[in-house]
Amino acid sequence: MKDRGVTKYALIYKMGFSAYTITNLKRNKSITMNTLEKLCKALQCTPNDIIEFKEL
């Protein structure tokens, strides 16, 4: 978000994300594929730019 100049405020109030979703993102909790798609559109990026898979 920082690299693209998008703030939490913009995601919530201009792009329709809920504050709960933003909190989940910050805490590395799960999100839906729909949310991932909306986030990619908002940030003009791909899922690979947002998520990282780690082996447990």
C-alpha atoms as a PDB file:
ATOM      1  CA  MET A   1       0.000   0.000   0.000  1.00  0.00           C
ATOM      2  CA  LYS A   2       2.806   2.380   0.880  1.00  0.00           C
ATOM      3  CA  ASP A   3       4.567   1.786  -2.449  1.00  0.00           C
ATOM      4  CA  ARG A   4       1.360   2.578  -4.330  1.00  0.00           C
ATOM      5  CA  GLY A   5       0.403   5.586  -2.186  1.00  0.00           C
ATOM      6  CA  VAL A   6      -2.850   4.020  -0.958  1.00  0.00           C
ATOM      7  CA  THR A   7      -3.887   4.653   2.635  1.00  0.00           C
ATOM      8  CA  LYS A   8      -6.159   2.662   4.946  1.00  0.00           C
ATOM      9  CA  TYR A   9      -8.559   5.608   4.749  1.00  0.00           C
ATOM     10  CA  ALA A  10      -8.731   5.303   0.956  1.00  0.00           C
ATOM     11  CA  LEU A  11      -9.370   1.561   1.116  1.00  0.00           C
ATOM     12  CA  ILE A  12     -12.163   1.971   3.656  1.00  0.00           C
ATOM     13  CA  TYR A  13     -13.940   5.119   2.513  1.00  0.00           C
ATOM     14  CA  LYS A  14     -13.154   5.353  -1.194  1.00  0.00           C
ATOM     15  CA  MET A  15     -12.841   1.700  -2.210  1.00  0.00           C
ATOM     16  CA  GLY A  16     -15.459   0.093   0.033  1.00  0.00           C
ATOM     17  CA  PHE A  17     -13.351  -2.163   2.261  1.00  0.00           C
ATOM     18  CA  SER A  18     -14.588  -2.731   5.797  1.00  0.00           C
ATOM     19  CA  ALA A  19     -12.435  -1.721   8.749  1.00  0.00           C
ATOM     20  CA  TYR A  20     -12.649  -5.357   9.889  1.00  0.00           C
ATOM     21  CA  THR A  21     -11.056  -6.517   6.624  1.00  0.00           C
ATOM     22  CA  ILE A  22      -8.234  -3.998   6.963  1.00  0.00           C
ATOM     23  CA  THR A  23      -7.625  -5.186  10.526  1.00  0.00           C
ATOM     24  CA  ASN A  24      -7.462  -8.798   9.326  1.00  0.00           C
ATOM     25  CA  LEU A  25      -4.921  -7.822   6.684  1.00  0.00           C
ATOM     26  CA  LYS A  26      -2.747  -6.035   9.219  1.00  0.00           C
ATOM     27  CA  ARG A  27      -2.859  -9.029  11.568  1.00  0.00           C
ATOM     28  CA  ASN A  28      -2.084 -11.541   8.784  1.00  0.00           C
ATOM     29  CA  LYS A  29      -5.424 -13.275   9.222  1.00  0.00           C
ATOM     30  CA  SER A  30      -7.312 -14.982   6.431  1.00  0.00           C
ATOM     31  CA  ILE A  31      -9.267 -13.089   3.793  1.00  0.00           C
ATOM     32  CA  THR A  32     -11.597 -14.257   1.045  1.00  0.00           C
ATOM     33  CA  MET A  33     -10.645 -14.573  -2.599  1.00  0.00           C
ATOM     34  CA  ASN A  34     -13.156 -11.816  -3.315  1.00  0.00           C
ATOM     35  CA  THR A  35     -11.298  -9.499  -0.946  1.00  0.00           C
ATOM     36  CA  LEU A  36      -7.986 -10.439  -2.551  1.00  0.00           C
ATOM     37  CA  GLU A  37      -9.409  -9.627  -5.977  1.00  0.00           C
ATOM     38  CA  LYS A  38     -10.732  -6.246  -4.793  1.00  0.00           C
ATOM     39  CA  LEU A  39      -7.412  -5.462  -3.151  1.00  0.00           C
ATOM     40  CA  CYS A  40      -5.493  -6.318  -6.321  1.00  0.00           C
ATOM     41  CA  LYS A  41      -7.760  -4.060  -8.343  1.00  0.00           C
ATOM     42  CA  ALA A  42      -7.439  -1.229  -5.839  1.00  0.00           C
ATOM     43  CA  LEU A  43      -3.642  -1.483  -5.734  1.00  0.00           C
ATOM     44  CA  GLN A  44      -3.271  -2.383  -9.425  1.00  0.00           C
ATOM     45  CA  CYS A  45      -1.182  -5.459  -8.692  1.00  0.00           C
ATOM     46  CA  THR A  46      -1.329  -9.262  -8.743  1.00  0.00           C
ATOM     47  CA  PRO A  47      -1.960 -11.666  -5.847  1.00  0.00           C
ATOM     48  CA  ASN A  48       1.753 -12.558  -5.882  1.00  0.00           C
ATOM     49  CA  ASP A  49       2.506  -8.962  -4.890  1.00  0.00           C
ATOM     50  CA  ILE A  50       0.273  -9.287  -1.814  1.00  0.00           C
ATOM     51  CA  ILE A  51       0.502 -12.818  -0.484  1.00  0.00           C
ATOM     52  CA  GLU A  52       3.333 -15.150   0.348  1.00  0.00           C
ATOM     53  CA  PHE A  53       3.028 -18.856   1.077  1.00  0.00           C
ATOM     54  CA  LYS A  54       5.174 -20.235   3.877  1.00  0.00           C
ATOM     55  CA  GLU A  55       5.573 -23.813   4.907  1.00  0.00           C
ATOM     56  CA  LEU A  56       4.658 -24.445   8.528  1.00  0.00           C
END
